[in-house]
Amino acid sequence: MAQKQHSKNNKGVITIIKLRTLRWPLAVLLSLACSILFLLVTLKAGLGNSFLRNGDWYTSESIGAADTDVIVTAMVAISGLLGSTRDNSMYYRLNSVSGEPLRLNCRYRIEGHDYDANWWSITAYGWDYFLIPNEQKRYSFNNENIKRGHDGRWVIHVGARAEDGNWLPVGPSGAPASEKSTNYDFDLLLRLYTPGDAYLQNPESAPLPVVTLESCS
């Protein structure tokens, strides 16, 4: 009996030691989870007054600037906009057309040309801020892989159904639909690396791609 009691006591001591060992990692994980939740709630509630509109696109003069505030920095990190400095990169996002949120059951047309930047790209992201899974593993177009017309202009078709030419497929995000809290299904991100003066000095009026709604099912 004494031996069994001693064994039980040893198991109890080991359990307490394990709990104490896990206490700090669990506390750190809980703190991190709470921080991420706070940032997501804050960002979805409103992005502040530092954002500028250019048609349906929006950007911020704060991204990459030395005086960038905490909220803008959080938005950049969560959205995957790995910004360096304002002179090196500019980012524009679009999640609605003429006030209507982007939907998976609709087809969109993006028209544009080459822009005053060393490199540019247009990428589709799900409402969960991650790349949208698709069989083609096609997530963006850029100035190196896009197909242009004879006049140098290009068109990107965005939608769930395959199309000829520059087709950017969209579909359900990787996260569970029950977690969706945005009013749009996906958004578009335009990256401009080493942009020209028009984007640095007048980001709210610089030339950008035109996005139009073609049809919805």
N, C-alpha and C. Protein backbone atom coordinates (compact mmCIF):
# COMPACT_ATOMS: atom_id res chain seq x y z
N MET A 1 0.83 -1.21 0.00
CA MET A 1 0.00 0.00 0.00
C MET A 1 0.86 1.26 0.00
N ALA A 2 1.93 1.22 0.84
CA ALA A 2 2.82 2.38 0.93
C ALA A 2 3.49 2.66 -0.41
N GLN A 3 3.83 1.56 -1.13
CA GLN A 3 4.48 1.72 -2.43
C GLN A 3 3.53 2.35 -3.44
N LYS A 4 2.24 1.92 -3.41
CA LYS A 4 1.25 2.48 -4.32
C LYS A 4 1.03 3.95 -4.03
N GLN A 5 0.95 4.28 -2.72
CA GLN A 5 0.75 5.67 -2.34
C GLN A 5 1.93 6.53 -2.80
N HIS A 6 3.14 5.98 -2.66
CA HIS A 6 4.35 6.70 -3.09
C HIS A 6 4.32 6.93 -4.60
N SER A 7 3.84 5.92 -5.35
CA SER A 7 3.75 6.04 -6.81
C SER A 7 2.76 7.12 -7.20
N LYS A 8 1.62 7.17 -6.48
CA LYS A 8 0.62 8.19 -6.76
C LYS A 8 1.16 9.58 -6.48
N ASN A 9 1.90 9.69 -5.38
CA ASN A 9 2.49 10.98 -5.03
C ASN A 9 3.47 11.45 -6.09
N ASN A 10 4.28 10.49 -6.60
CA ASN A 10 5.25 10.83 -7.65
C ASN A 10 4.55 11.33 -8.91
N LYS A 11 3.44 10.65 -9.28
CA LYS A 11 2.69 11.07 -10.46
C LYS A 11 2.12 12.47 -10.27
N GLY A 12 1.65 12.73 -9.04
CA GLY A 12 1.11 14.06 -8.76
C GLY A 12 2.16 15.14 -8.87
N VAL A 13 3.36 14.84 -8.36
CA VAL A 13 4.46 15.80 -8.43
C VAL A 13 4.86 16.06 -9.88
N ILE A 14 4.93 14.98 -10.68
CA ILE A 14 5.30 15.11 -12.09
C ILE A 14 4.27 15.95 -12.83
N THR A 15 2.98 15.74 -12.53
CA THR A 15 1.91 16.51 -13.18
C THR A 15 2.04 17.99 -12.85
N ILE A 16 2.32 18.30 -11.59
CA ILE A 16 2.48 19.70 -11.17
C ILE A 16 3.66 20.34 -11.88
N ILE A 17 4.77 19.59 -11.98
CA ILE A 17 5.97 20.11 -12.66
C ILE A 17 5.67 20.40 -14.13
N LYS A 18 4.93 19.48 -14.79
CA LYS A 18 4.58 19.67 -16.20
C LYS A 18 3.71 20.91 -16.37
N LEU A 19 2.74 21.09 -15.47
CA LEU A 19 1.85 22.25 -15.56
C LEU A 19 2.63 23.54 -15.37
N ARG A 20 3.57 23.53 -14.42
CA ARG A 20 4.39 24.72 -14.20
C ARG A 20 5.28 25.02 -15.40
N THR A 21 5.78 23.94 -16.03
CA THR A 21 6.64 24.11 -17.20
C THR A 21 5.87 24.71 -18.37
N LEU A 22 4.61 24.28 -18.52
CA LEU A 22 3.79 24.75 -19.64
C LEU A 22 3.13 26.10 -19.36
N ARG A 23 3.21 26.57 -18.11
CA ARG A 23 2.48 27.78 -17.74
C ARG A 23 2.90 28.98 -18.58
N TRP A 24 4.20 29.20 -18.73
CA TRP A 24 4.66 30.38 -19.45
C TRP A 24 4.41 30.28 -20.95
N PRO A 25 4.70 29.13 -21.60
CA PRO A 25 4.35 29.03 -23.03
C PRO A 25 2.87 29.25 -23.29
N LEU A 26 2.02 28.70 -22.42
CA LEU A 26 0.57 28.88 -22.59
C LEU A 26 0.19 30.34 -22.41
N ALA A 27 0.82 31.00 -21.45
CA ALA A 27 0.53 32.42 -21.22
C ALA A 27 0.94 33.26 -22.42
N VAL A 28 2.10 32.93 -23.00
CA VAL A 28 2.57 33.67 -24.18
C VAL A 28 1.63 33.47 -25.36
N LEU A 29 1.20 32.21 -25.59
CA LEU A 29 0.29 31.92 -26.69
C LEU A 29 -1.05 32.63 -26.50
N LEU A 30 -1.55 32.63 -25.27
CA LEU A 30 -2.81 33.30 -24.99
C LEU A 30 -2.70 34.80 -25.22
N SER A 31 -1.59 35.37 -24.79
CA SER A 31 -1.36 36.80 -24.99
C SER A 31 -1.28 37.14 -26.47
N LEU A 32 -0.57 36.28 -27.24
CA LEU A 32 -0.43 36.50 -28.68
C LEU A 32 -1.79 36.42 -29.36
N ALA A 33 -2.59 35.42 -28.98
CA ALA A 33 -3.92 35.25 -29.58
C ALA A 33 -4.80 36.46 -29.29
N CYS A 34 -4.74 36.97 -28.07
CA CYS A 34 -5.53 38.14 -27.71
C CYS A 34 -5.08 39.37 -28.49
N SER A 35 -3.77 39.49 -28.70
CA SER A 35 -3.24 40.64 -29.45
C SER A 35 -3.71 40.61 -30.90
N ILE A 36 -3.63 39.41 -31.52
CA ILE A 36 -4.06 39.27 -32.91
C ILE A 36 -5.55 39.57 -33.03
N LEU A 37 -6.34 39.06 -32.08
CA LEU A 37 -7.78 39.31 -32.09
C LEU A 37 -8.07 40.80 -31.99
N PHE A 38 -7.34 41.49 -31.11
CA PHE A 38 -7.53 42.93 -30.96
C PHE A 38 -7.22 43.67 -32.25
N LEU A 39 -6.11 43.29 -32.91
CA LEU A 39 -5.72 43.96 -34.14
C LEU A 39 -6.74 43.74 -35.24
N LEU A 40 -7.22 42.49 -35.36
CA LEU A 40 -8.20 42.19 -36.40
C LEU A 40 -9.49 42.97 -36.18
N VAL A 41 -9.96 43.00 -34.93
CA VAL A 41 -11.19 43.74 -34.62
C VAL A 41 -11.00 45.22 -34.91
N THR A 42 -9.84 45.75 -34.54
CA THR A 42 -9.56 47.17 -34.76
C THR A 42 -9.51 47.50 -36.24
N LEU A 43 -8.84 46.65 -37.01
CA LEU A 43 -8.69 46.91 -38.44
C LEU A 43 -10.02 46.81 -39.16
N LYS A 44 -10.83 45.83 -38.79
CA LYS A 44 -12.11 45.66 -39.46
C LYS A 44 -13.10 46.74 -39.05
N ALA A 45 -12.89 47.34 -37.89
CA ALA A 45 -13.78 48.40 -37.44
C ALA A 45 -13.52 49.69 -38.20
N GLY A 46 -12.29 49.90 -38.64
CA GLY A 46 -11.98 51.12 -39.37
C GLY A 46 -10.49 51.29 -39.53
N LEU A 47 -10.07 51.80 -40.69
CA LEU A 47 -8.65 51.90 -40.99
C LEU A 47 -8.08 53.28 -40.75
N GLY A 48 -8.88 54.18 -40.22
CA GLY A 48 -8.35 55.48 -39.85
C GLY A 48 -8.39 56.49 -40.97
N ASN A 49 -7.87 57.68 -40.68
CA ASN A 49 -7.92 58.79 -41.62
C ASN A 49 -6.70 58.89 -42.51
N SER A 50 -5.73 57.98 -42.35
CA SER A 50 -4.50 58.08 -43.13
C SER A 50 -4.65 57.47 -44.51
N PHE A 51 -5.81 56.91 -44.84
CA PHE A 51 -6.00 56.25 -46.12
C PHE A 51 -6.61 57.18 -47.16
N LEU A 52 -6.09 57.07 -48.38
CA LEU A 52 -6.50 57.93 -49.48
C LEU A 52 -7.23 57.11 -50.53
N ARG A 53 -8.25 57.69 -51.14
CA ARG A 53 -9.01 57.04 -52.20
C ARG A 53 -8.53 57.51 -53.56
N ASN A 54 -8.46 56.55 -54.48
CA ASN A 54 -8.19 56.84 -55.89
C ASN A 54 -9.17 55.99 -56.67
N GLY A 55 -10.35 56.53 -56.93
CA GLY A 55 -11.42 55.73 -57.52
C GLY A 55 -11.86 54.68 -56.51
N ASP A 56 -11.92 53.43 -56.94
CA ASP A 56 -12.28 52.34 -56.04
C ASP A 56 -11.07 51.81 -55.27
N TRP A 57 -9.88 52.22 -55.66
CA TRP A 57 -8.67 51.79 -54.96
C TRP A 57 -8.42 52.69 -53.76
N TYR A 58 -7.72 52.17 -52.77
CA TYR A 58 -7.29 53.03 -51.66
C TYR A 58 -5.87 52.66 -51.24
N THR A 59 -5.18 53.65 -50.71
CA THR A 59 -3.80 53.48 -50.28
C THR A 59 -3.56 54.34 -49.05
N SER A 60 -2.33 54.37 -48.58
CA SER A 60 -1.98 55.20 -47.44
C SER A 60 -0.60 55.79 -47.63
N GLU A 61 -0.47 57.06 -47.34
CA GLU A 61 0.84 57.70 -47.39
C GLU A 61 1.70 57.26 -46.22
N SER A 62 1.09 56.63 -45.23
CA SER A 62 1.82 56.23 -44.03
C SER A 62 2.62 54.95 -44.22
N ILE A 63 2.18 54.08 -45.15
CA ILE A 63 2.87 52.81 -45.33
C ILE A 63 4.29 53.06 -45.82
N GLY A 64 5.25 52.59 -45.05
CA GLY A 64 6.65 52.76 -45.40
C GLY A 64 7.25 54.05 -44.88
N ALA A 65 6.42 54.93 -44.29
CA ALA A 65 6.94 56.19 -43.77
C ALA A 65 7.50 55.99 -42.37
N ALA A 66 8.39 56.89 -41.96
CA ALA A 66 9.02 56.76 -40.65
C ALA A 66 8.03 56.95 -39.52
N ASP A 67 6.95 57.73 -39.78
CA ASP A 67 5.99 58.02 -38.71
C ASP A 67 4.76 57.13 -38.77
N THR A 68 4.88 55.96 -39.42
CA THR A 68 3.75 55.04 -39.51
C THR A 68 3.25 54.66 -38.13
N ASP A 69 1.91 54.74 -37.92
CA ASP A 69 1.38 54.41 -36.60
C ASP A 69 1.18 52.91 -36.45
N VAL A 70 0.81 52.49 -35.24
CA VAL A 70 0.70 51.07 -34.92
C VAL A 70 -0.37 50.39 -35.75
N ILE A 71 -1.52 51.05 -35.94
CA ILE A 71 -2.63 50.43 -36.66
C ILE A 71 -2.26 50.18 -38.12
N VAL A 72 -1.64 51.18 -38.76
CA VAL A 72 -1.23 51.01 -40.15
C VAL A 72 -0.20 49.90 -40.27
N THR A 73 0.76 49.87 -39.33
CA THR A 73 1.77 48.81 -39.34
C THR A 73 1.12 47.44 -39.20
N ALA A 74 0.11 47.33 -38.35
CA ALA A 74 -0.59 46.06 -38.16
C ALA A 74 -1.31 45.65 -39.43
N MET A 75 -1.97 46.61 -40.10
CA MET A 75 -2.67 46.30 -41.34
C MET A 75 -1.70 45.79 -42.39
N VAL A 76 -0.53 46.44 -42.48
CA VAL A 76 0.47 46.03 -43.45
C VAL A 76 0.93 44.61 -43.17
N ALA A 77 1.17 44.29 -41.89
CA ALA A 77 1.66 42.96 -41.53
C ALA A 77 0.61 41.89 -41.79
N ILE A 78 -0.64 42.12 -41.36
CA ILE A 78 -1.69 41.13 -41.50
C ILE A 78 -2.04 40.91 -42.97
N SER A 79 -2.01 41.96 -43.76
CA SER A 79 -2.40 41.84 -45.16
C SER A 79 -1.28 41.33 -46.05
N GLY A 80 -0.10 41.16 -45.50
CA GLY A 80 1.00 40.65 -46.30
C GLY A 80 1.68 41.71 -47.14
N LEU A 81 1.44 42.98 -46.84
CA LEU A 81 2.08 44.05 -47.60
C LEU A 81 3.44 44.33 -46.98
N LEU A 82 4.43 43.60 -47.41
CA LEU A 82 5.74 43.72 -46.79
C LEU A 82 6.43 44.98 -47.29
N GLY A 83 5.96 46.12 -46.82
CA GLY A 83 6.46 47.40 -47.30
C GLY A 83 7.83 47.72 -46.75
N SER A 84 8.63 48.41 -47.55
CA SER A 84 9.94 48.86 -47.09
C SER A 84 9.83 50.35 -46.81
N THR A 85 10.18 51.19 -47.78
CA THR A 85 10.00 52.62 -47.62
C THR A 85 9.05 53.12 -48.69
N ARG A 86 8.50 54.30 -48.48
CA ARG A 86 7.52 54.84 -49.42
C ARG A 86 8.13 55.04 -50.80
N ASP A 87 9.41 55.44 -50.86
CA ASP A 87 10.06 55.64 -52.16
C ASP A 87 10.26 54.33 -52.91
N ASN A 88 10.37 53.23 -52.17
CA ASN A 88 10.64 51.93 -52.80
C ASN A 88 9.38 51.19 -53.21
N SER A 89 8.26 51.47 -52.56
CA SER A 89 7.06 50.68 -52.85
C SER A 89 5.79 51.44 -52.50
N MET A 90 4.75 51.19 -53.30
CA MET A 90 3.42 51.73 -53.05
C MET A 90 2.43 50.59 -53.19
N TYR A 91 1.36 50.63 -52.39
CA TYR A 91 0.37 49.57 -52.40
C TYR A 91 -1.03 50.18 -52.48
N TYR A 92 -1.84 49.61 -53.35
CA TYR A 92 -3.25 50.01 -53.46
C TYR A 92 -4.11 48.76 -53.29
N ARG A 93 -5.21 48.90 -52.55
CA ARG A 93 -6.14 47.79 -52.37
C ARG A 93 -7.51 48.17 -52.89
N LEU A 94 -8.26 47.14 -53.30
CA LEU A 94 -9.61 47.34 -53.81
C LEU A 94 -10.47 46.17 -53.36
N ASN A 95 -11.58 46.46 -52.68
CA ASN A 95 -12.48 45.38 -52.26
C ASN A 95 -13.93 45.65 -52.64
N SER A 96 -14.15 46.69 -53.47
CA SER A 96 -15.49 46.96 -53.96
C SER A 96 -15.40 47.71 -55.29
N VAL A 97 -16.46 47.62 -56.07
CA VAL A 97 -16.55 48.34 -57.34
C VAL A 97 -17.83 49.16 -57.32
N SER A 98 -17.69 50.46 -57.43
CA SER A 98 -18.84 51.38 -57.38
C SER A 98 -19.67 51.15 -56.12
N GLY A 99 -18.99 50.86 -55.02
CA GLY A 99 -19.67 50.68 -53.75
C GLY A 99 -20.17 49.28 -53.48
N GLU A 100 -20.08 48.37 -54.46
CA GLU A 100 -20.55 47.00 -54.29
C GLU A 100 -19.37 46.09 -53.97
N PRO A 101 -19.40 45.38 -52.83
CA PRO A 101 -18.29 44.50 -52.44
C PRO A 101 -18.00 43.43 -53.49
N LEU A 102 -16.74 43.06 -53.63
CA LEU A 102 -16.36 42.01 -54.57
C LEU A 102 -16.95 40.68 -54.14
N ARG A 103 -17.58 39.98 -55.10
CA ARG A 103 -18.27 38.72 -54.82
C ARG A 103 -17.70 37.59 -55.68
N LEU A 104 -17.75 36.37 -55.13
CA LEU A 104 -17.25 35.22 -55.87
C LEU A 104 -18.18 34.81 -57.01
N ASN A 105 -19.45 35.19 -56.93
CA ASN A 105 -20.39 34.81 -57.98
C ASN A 105 -20.44 35.83 -59.11
N CYS A 106 -19.49 36.76 -59.12
CA CYS A 106 -19.44 37.79 -60.16
C CYS A 106 -18.15 37.69 -60.96
N ARG A 107 -18.18 38.27 -62.16
CA ARG A 107 -17.01 38.35 -63.03
C ARG A 107 -16.58 39.81 -63.14
N TYR A 108 -15.27 40.03 -63.05
CA TYR A 108 -14.74 41.39 -63.10
C TYR A 108 -13.69 41.50 -64.20
N ARG A 109 -13.54 42.71 -64.68
CA ARG A 109 -12.58 43.00 -65.74
C ARG A 109 -11.64 44.10 -65.26
N ILE A 110 -10.35 43.84 -65.32
CA ILE A 110 -9.35 44.84 -64.95
C ILE A 110 -8.62 45.26 -66.23
N GLU A 111 -8.64 46.53 -66.53
CA GLU A 111 -7.97 47.04 -67.72
C GLU A 111 -6.86 48.01 -67.32
N GLY A 112 -5.74 47.90 -68.01
CA GLY A 112 -4.64 48.80 -67.67
C GLY A 112 -3.52 48.75 -68.69
N HIS A 113 -2.41 49.30 -68.29
CA HIS A 113 -1.22 49.36 -69.14
C HIS A 113 -0.01 49.31 -68.22
N ASP A 114 1.17 49.47 -68.75
CA ASP A 114 2.35 49.48 -67.89
C ASP A 114 2.41 50.80 -67.14
N TYR A 115 2.75 50.70 -65.86
CA TYR A 115 2.76 51.89 -65.01
C TYR A 115 4.18 52.33 -64.70
N ASP A 116 4.28 53.56 -64.24
CA ASP A 116 5.58 54.17 -63.97
C ASP A 116 6.17 53.57 -62.69
N ALA A 117 6.72 52.37 -62.84
CA ALA A 117 7.35 51.66 -61.72
C ALA A 117 8.28 50.61 -62.31
N ASN A 118 9.32 50.27 -61.57
CA ASN A 118 10.24 49.24 -62.06
C ASN A 118 9.57 47.87 -62.15
N TRP A 119 8.59 47.65 -61.28
CA TRP A 119 7.88 46.36 -61.26
C TRP A 119 6.52 46.58 -60.62
N TRP A 120 5.50 45.95 -61.17
CA TRP A 120 4.17 46.04 -60.57
C TRP A 120 3.48 44.68 -60.67
N SER A 121 2.50 44.46 -59.81
CA SER A 121 1.73 43.22 -59.83
C SER A 121 0.34 43.46 -59.27
N ILE A 122 -0.60 42.60 -59.68
CA ILE A 122 -1.96 42.61 -59.14
C ILE A 122 -2.23 41.21 -58.60
N THR A 123 -2.60 41.14 -57.32
CA THR A 123 -2.81 39.86 -56.63
C THR A 123 -4.19 39.83 -56.00
N ALA A 124 -4.83 38.66 -56.03
CA ALA A 124 -6.13 38.48 -55.38
C ALA A 124 -5.91 37.81 -54.02
N TYR A 125 -6.55 38.35 -52.99
CA TYR A 125 -6.49 37.78 -51.64
C TYR A 125 -7.90 37.47 -51.16
N GLY A 126 -8.03 36.41 -50.37
CA GLY A 126 -9.32 36.08 -49.79
C GLY A 126 -9.65 37.03 -48.65
N TRP A 127 -10.87 36.92 -48.14
CA TRP A 127 -11.28 37.79 -47.03
C TRP A 127 -10.45 37.54 -45.78
N ASP A 128 -9.75 36.38 -45.74
CA ASP A 128 -8.91 36.05 -44.59
C ASP A 128 -7.49 36.59 -44.74
N TYR A 129 -7.25 37.41 -45.79
CA TYR A 129 -5.96 38.06 -46.04
C TYR A 129 -4.90 37.11 -46.58
N PHE A 130 -5.29 35.90 -46.98
CA PHE A 130 -4.34 34.95 -47.54
C PHE A 130 -4.62 34.74 -49.03
N LEU A 131 -3.62 34.19 -49.75
CA LEU A 131 -3.83 33.87 -51.16
C LEU A 131 -4.97 32.88 -51.30
N ILE A 132 -5.71 32.99 -52.40
CA ILE A 132 -6.88 32.13 -52.61
C ILE A 132 -6.44 30.81 -53.24
N PRO A 133 -6.73 29.68 -52.60
CA PRO A 133 -6.34 28.38 -53.16
C PRO A 133 -7.02 28.15 -54.51
N ASN A 134 -6.28 27.64 -55.50
CA ASN A 134 -6.87 27.29 -56.79
C ASN A 134 -5.99 26.26 -57.48
N GLU A 135 -6.60 25.43 -58.34
CA GLU A 135 -5.89 24.35 -59.00
C GLU A 135 -4.78 24.87 -59.91
N GLN A 136 -4.97 26.02 -60.48
CA GLN A 136 -3.97 26.58 -61.40
C GLN A 136 -2.75 27.13 -60.66
N LYS A 137 -2.89 27.30 -59.34
CA LYS A 137 -1.83 27.92 -58.53
C LYS A 137 -1.43 29.27 -59.13
N ARG A 138 -2.45 29.99 -59.57
CA ARG A 138 -2.24 31.31 -60.16
C ARG A 138 -2.83 32.34 -59.21
N TYR A 139 -1.99 33.21 -58.71
CA TYR A 139 -2.43 34.15 -57.68
C TYR A 139 -2.28 35.61 -58.09
N SER A 140 -1.54 35.87 -59.16
CA SER A 140 -1.32 37.26 -59.55
C SER A 140 -0.80 37.35 -60.98
N PHE A 141 -0.82 38.58 -61.49
CA PHE A 141 -0.16 38.91 -62.75
C PHE A 141 0.75 40.09 -62.50
N ASN A 142 1.83 40.16 -63.28
CA ASN A 142 2.76 41.27 -63.13
C ASN A 142 3.25 41.73 -64.50
N ASN A 143 4.07 42.76 -64.51
CA ASN A 143 4.52 43.33 -65.78
C ASN A 143 5.42 42.39 -66.58
N GLU A 144 5.82 41.26 -65.99
CA GLU A 144 6.68 40.32 -66.70
C GLU A 144 5.91 39.15 -67.31
N ASN A 145 4.78 38.76 -66.70
CA ASN A 145 4.08 37.57 -67.21
C ASN A 145 2.73 37.86 -67.84
N ILE A 146 2.28 39.10 -67.83
CA ILE A 146 0.96 39.41 -68.37
C ILE A 146 1.01 39.48 -69.90
N LYS A 147 -0.09 39.05 -70.53
CA LYS A 147 -0.20 39.10 -71.99
C LYS A 147 -0.82 40.44 -72.38
N ARG A 148 -0.16 41.13 -73.30
CA ARG A 148 -0.61 42.46 -73.73
C ARG A 148 -1.16 42.43 -75.15
N GLY A 149 -1.95 43.45 -75.45
CA GLY A 149 -2.44 43.62 -76.81
C GLY A 149 -1.40 44.33 -77.65
N HIS A 150 -1.71 44.56 -78.93
CA HIS A 150 -0.77 45.22 -79.83
C HIS A 150 -0.45 46.64 -79.39
N ASP A 151 -1.39 47.26 -78.69
CA ASP A 151 -1.19 48.64 -78.24
C ASP A 151 -0.50 48.72 -76.88
N GLY A 152 -0.12 47.56 -76.33
CA GLY A 152 0.56 47.54 -75.04
C GLY A 152 -0.37 47.47 -73.85
N ARG A 153 -1.67 47.59 -74.09
CA ARG A 153 -2.62 47.52 -72.99
C ARG A 153 -2.95 46.05 -72.69
N TRP A 154 -3.49 45.81 -71.52
CA TRP A 154 -3.82 44.45 -71.11
C TRP A 154 -5.16 44.41 -70.40
N VAL A 155 -5.73 43.20 -70.33
CA VAL A 155 -7.00 42.97 -69.63
C VAL A 155 -6.83 41.72 -68.77
N ILE A 156 -7.28 41.80 -67.52
CA ILE A 156 -7.29 40.64 -66.62
C ILE A 156 -8.75 40.31 -66.31
N HIS A 157 -9.11 39.04 -66.48
CA HIS A 157 -10.45 38.58 -66.14
C HIS A 157 -10.39 37.93 -64.75
N VAL A 158 -11.24 38.39 -63.85
CA VAL A 158 -11.26 37.87 -62.48
C VAL A 158 -12.59 37.18 -62.24
N GLY A 159 -12.54 35.91 -61.85
CA GLY A 159 -13.77 35.18 -61.59
C GLY A 159 -13.50 33.72 -61.31
N ALA A 160 -14.55 32.99 -60.94
CA ALA A 160 -14.40 31.58 -60.60
C ALA A 160 -14.33 30.69 -61.83
N ARG A 161 -14.94 31.13 -62.95
CA ARG A 161 -14.96 30.33 -64.17
C ARG A 161 -13.77 30.68 -65.06
N ALA A 162 -13.19 29.64 -65.67
CA ALA A 162 -12.00 29.83 -66.51
C ALA A 162 -12.32 30.69 -67.74
N GLU A 163 -11.38 31.53 -68.12
CA GLU A 163 -11.52 32.37 -69.30
C GLU A 163 -10.20 32.40 -70.05
N ASP A 164 -10.28 32.73 -71.34
CA ASP A 164 -9.07 32.84 -72.15
C ASP A 164 -8.28 34.09 -71.75
N GLY A 165 -7.00 34.06 -72.06
CA GLY A 165 -6.17 35.23 -71.78
C GLY A 165 -5.71 35.27 -70.34
N ASN A 166 -5.63 36.47 -69.81
CA ASN A 166 -5.17 36.66 -68.43
C ASN A 166 -6.33 36.43 -67.47
N TRP A 167 -6.45 35.19 -67.00
CA TRP A 167 -7.53 34.85 -66.08
C TRP A 167 -6.97 34.69 -64.67
N LEU A 168 -7.53 35.46 -63.73
CA LEU A 168 -7.13 35.38 -62.33
C LEU A 168 -8.24 34.67 -61.57
N PRO A 169 -8.05 33.39 -61.23
CA PRO A 169 -9.12 32.63 -60.57
C PRO A 169 -9.33 33.04 -59.12
N VAL A 170 -10.58 33.08 -58.71
CA VAL A 170 -10.92 33.34 -57.31
C VAL A 170 -11.91 32.27 -56.85
N GLY A 171 -11.94 32.04 -55.56
CA GLY A 171 -12.82 31.03 -55.00
C GLY A 171 -12.85 31.17 -53.49
N PRO A 172 -13.42 30.17 -52.81
CA PRO A 172 -13.51 30.25 -51.35
C PRO A 172 -12.13 30.38 -50.70
N SER A 173 -12.08 31.13 -49.62
CA SER A 173 -10.83 31.28 -48.87
C SER A 173 -10.52 29.99 -48.13
N GLY A 174 -9.29 29.88 -47.67
CA GLY A 174 -8.89 28.68 -46.96
C GLY A 174 -9.50 28.58 -45.57
N ALA A 175 -9.86 29.71 -44.98
CA ALA A 175 -10.43 29.71 -43.63
C ALA A 175 -11.90 29.29 -43.68
N PRO A 176 -12.43 28.74 -42.58
CA PRO A 176 -13.84 28.33 -42.53
C PRO A 176 -14.77 29.52 -42.80
N ALA A 177 -15.81 29.28 -43.58
CA ALA A 177 -16.76 30.35 -43.92
C ALA A 177 -17.42 30.93 -42.67
N SER A 178 -17.53 30.12 -41.62
CA SER A 178 -18.18 30.58 -40.39
C SER A 178 -17.39 31.70 -39.71
N GLU A 179 -16.11 31.85 -40.07
CA GLU A 179 -15.27 32.88 -39.46
C GLU A 179 -15.29 34.19 -40.24
N LYS A 180 -15.95 34.21 -41.38
CA LYS A 180 -15.96 35.40 -42.24
C LYS A 180 -16.67 36.55 -41.54
N SER A 181 -16.02 37.71 -41.53
CA SER A 181 -16.61 38.88 -40.89
C SER A 181 -16.51 40.12 -41.77
N THR A 182 -16.07 39.96 -43.02
CA THR A 182 -16.00 41.09 -43.94
C THR A 182 -17.22 41.08 -44.85
N ASN A 183 -17.53 42.23 -45.44
CA ASN A 183 -18.67 42.29 -46.35
C ASN A 183 -18.27 41.98 -47.79
N TYR A 184 -16.99 41.69 -48.04
CA TYR A 184 -16.52 41.31 -49.37
C TYR A 184 -15.95 39.89 -49.31
N ASP A 185 -15.93 39.21 -50.47
CA ASP A 185 -15.43 37.84 -50.53
C ASP A 185 -13.93 37.77 -50.79
N PHE A 186 -13.41 38.77 -51.48
CA PHE A 186 -11.97 38.82 -51.77
C PHE A 186 -11.61 40.26 -52.09
N ASP A 187 -10.33 40.54 -52.17
CA ASP A 187 -9.91 41.87 -52.58
C ASP A 187 -8.69 41.77 -53.49
N LEU A 188 -8.34 42.89 -54.09
CA LEU A 188 -7.22 42.96 -55.02
C LEU A 188 -6.15 43.89 -54.47
N LEU A 189 -4.91 43.51 -54.67
CA LEU A 189 -3.79 44.32 -54.21
C LEU A 189 -2.89 44.66 -55.38
N LEU A 190 -2.65 45.94 -55.58
CA LEU A 190 -1.72 46.42 -56.61
C LEU A 190 -0.43 46.85 -55.93
N ARG A 191 0.67 46.22 -56.33
CA ARG A 191 1.99 46.59 -55.80
C ARG A 191 2.76 47.36 -56.87
N LEU A 192 3.40 48.43 -56.47
CA LEU A 192 4.25 49.21 -57.36
C LEU A 192 5.61 49.37 -56.68
N TYR A 193 6.64 48.77 -57.27
CA TYR A 193 7.98 48.86 -56.70
C TYR A 193 8.80 49.93 -57.43
N THR A 194 9.42 50.79 -56.67
CA THR A 194 10.13 51.97 -57.17
C THR A 194 9.20 52.78 -58.07
N PRO A 195 8.10 53.27 -57.51
CA PRO A 195 7.12 54.01 -58.31
C PRO A 195 7.63 55.40 -58.70
N GLY A 196 7.01 55.96 -59.75
CA GLY A 196 7.38 57.29 -60.21
C GLY A 196 6.80 58.38 -59.33
N ASP A 197 7.13 59.62 -59.66
CA ASP A 197 6.72 60.77 -58.85
C ASP A 197 5.20 60.91 -58.74
N ALA A 198 4.47 60.52 -59.78
CA ALA A 198 3.01 60.67 -59.74
C ALA A 198 2.42 59.92 -58.56
N TYR A 199 2.96 58.75 -58.24
CA TYR A 199 2.44 57.94 -57.13
C TYR A 199 2.95 58.45 -55.78
N LEU A 200 4.15 58.97 -55.77
CA LEU A 200 4.72 59.46 -54.51
C LEU A 200 4.14 60.81 -54.11
N GLN A 201 3.87 61.66 -55.10
CA GLN A 201 3.41 63.01 -54.80
C GLN A 201 1.89 63.15 -54.85
N ASN A 202 1.23 62.39 -55.73
CA ASN A 202 -0.23 62.50 -55.86
C ASN A 202 -0.86 61.11 -55.92
N PRO A 203 -0.75 60.32 -54.86
CA PRO A 203 -1.26 58.94 -54.90
C PRO A 203 -2.77 58.85 -55.10
N GLU A 204 -3.50 59.93 -54.76
CA GLU A 204 -4.96 59.89 -54.90
C GLU A 204 -5.42 60.19 -56.32
N SER A 205 -4.51 60.57 -57.23
CA SER A 205 -4.91 60.87 -58.61
C SER A 205 -4.00 60.21 -59.64
N ALA A 206 -3.02 59.43 -59.21
CA ALA A 206 -2.11 58.76 -60.14
C ALA A 206 -2.86 57.72 -60.96
N PRO A 207 -2.42 57.42 -62.19
CA PRO A 207 -3.12 56.44 -63.04
C PRO A 207 -3.08 55.04 -62.45
N LEU A 208 -4.25 54.38 -62.44
CA LEU A 208 -4.38 53.03 -61.89
C LEU A 208 -5.24 52.17 -62.81
N PRO A 209 -5.18 50.85 -62.68
CA PRO A 209 -6.05 49.99 -63.47
C PRO A 209 -7.53 50.28 -63.20
N VAL A 210 -8.36 50.07 -64.20
CA VAL A 210 -9.80 50.29 -64.07
C VAL A 210 -10.48 48.94 -63.89
N VAL A 211 -11.23 48.79 -62.82
CA VAL A 211 -11.93 47.54 -62.53
C VAL A 211 -13.42 47.74 -62.74
N THR A 212 -14.04 46.87 -63.54
CA THR A 212 -15.47 46.96 -63.80
C THR A 212 -16.14 45.62 -63.54
N LEU A 213 -17.39 45.68 -63.15
CA LEU A 213 -18.20 44.48 -62.95
C LEU A 213 -18.82 44.09 -64.28
N GLU A 214 -18.61 42.83 -64.70
CA GLU A 214 -19.15 42.37 -65.98
C GLU A 214 -20.49 41.67 -65.82
N SER A 215 -20.58 40.74 -64.87
CA SER A 215 -21.84 40.03 -64.66
C SER A 215 -21.80 39.28 -63.34
N CYS A 216 -22.98 38.87 -62.87
CA CYS A 216 -23.10 38.07 -61.65
C CYS A 216 -24.11 36.95 -61.90
N SER A 217 -23.90 35.83 -61.27
CA SER A 217 -24.81 34.70 -61.45
C SER A 217 -25.77 34.58 -60.27
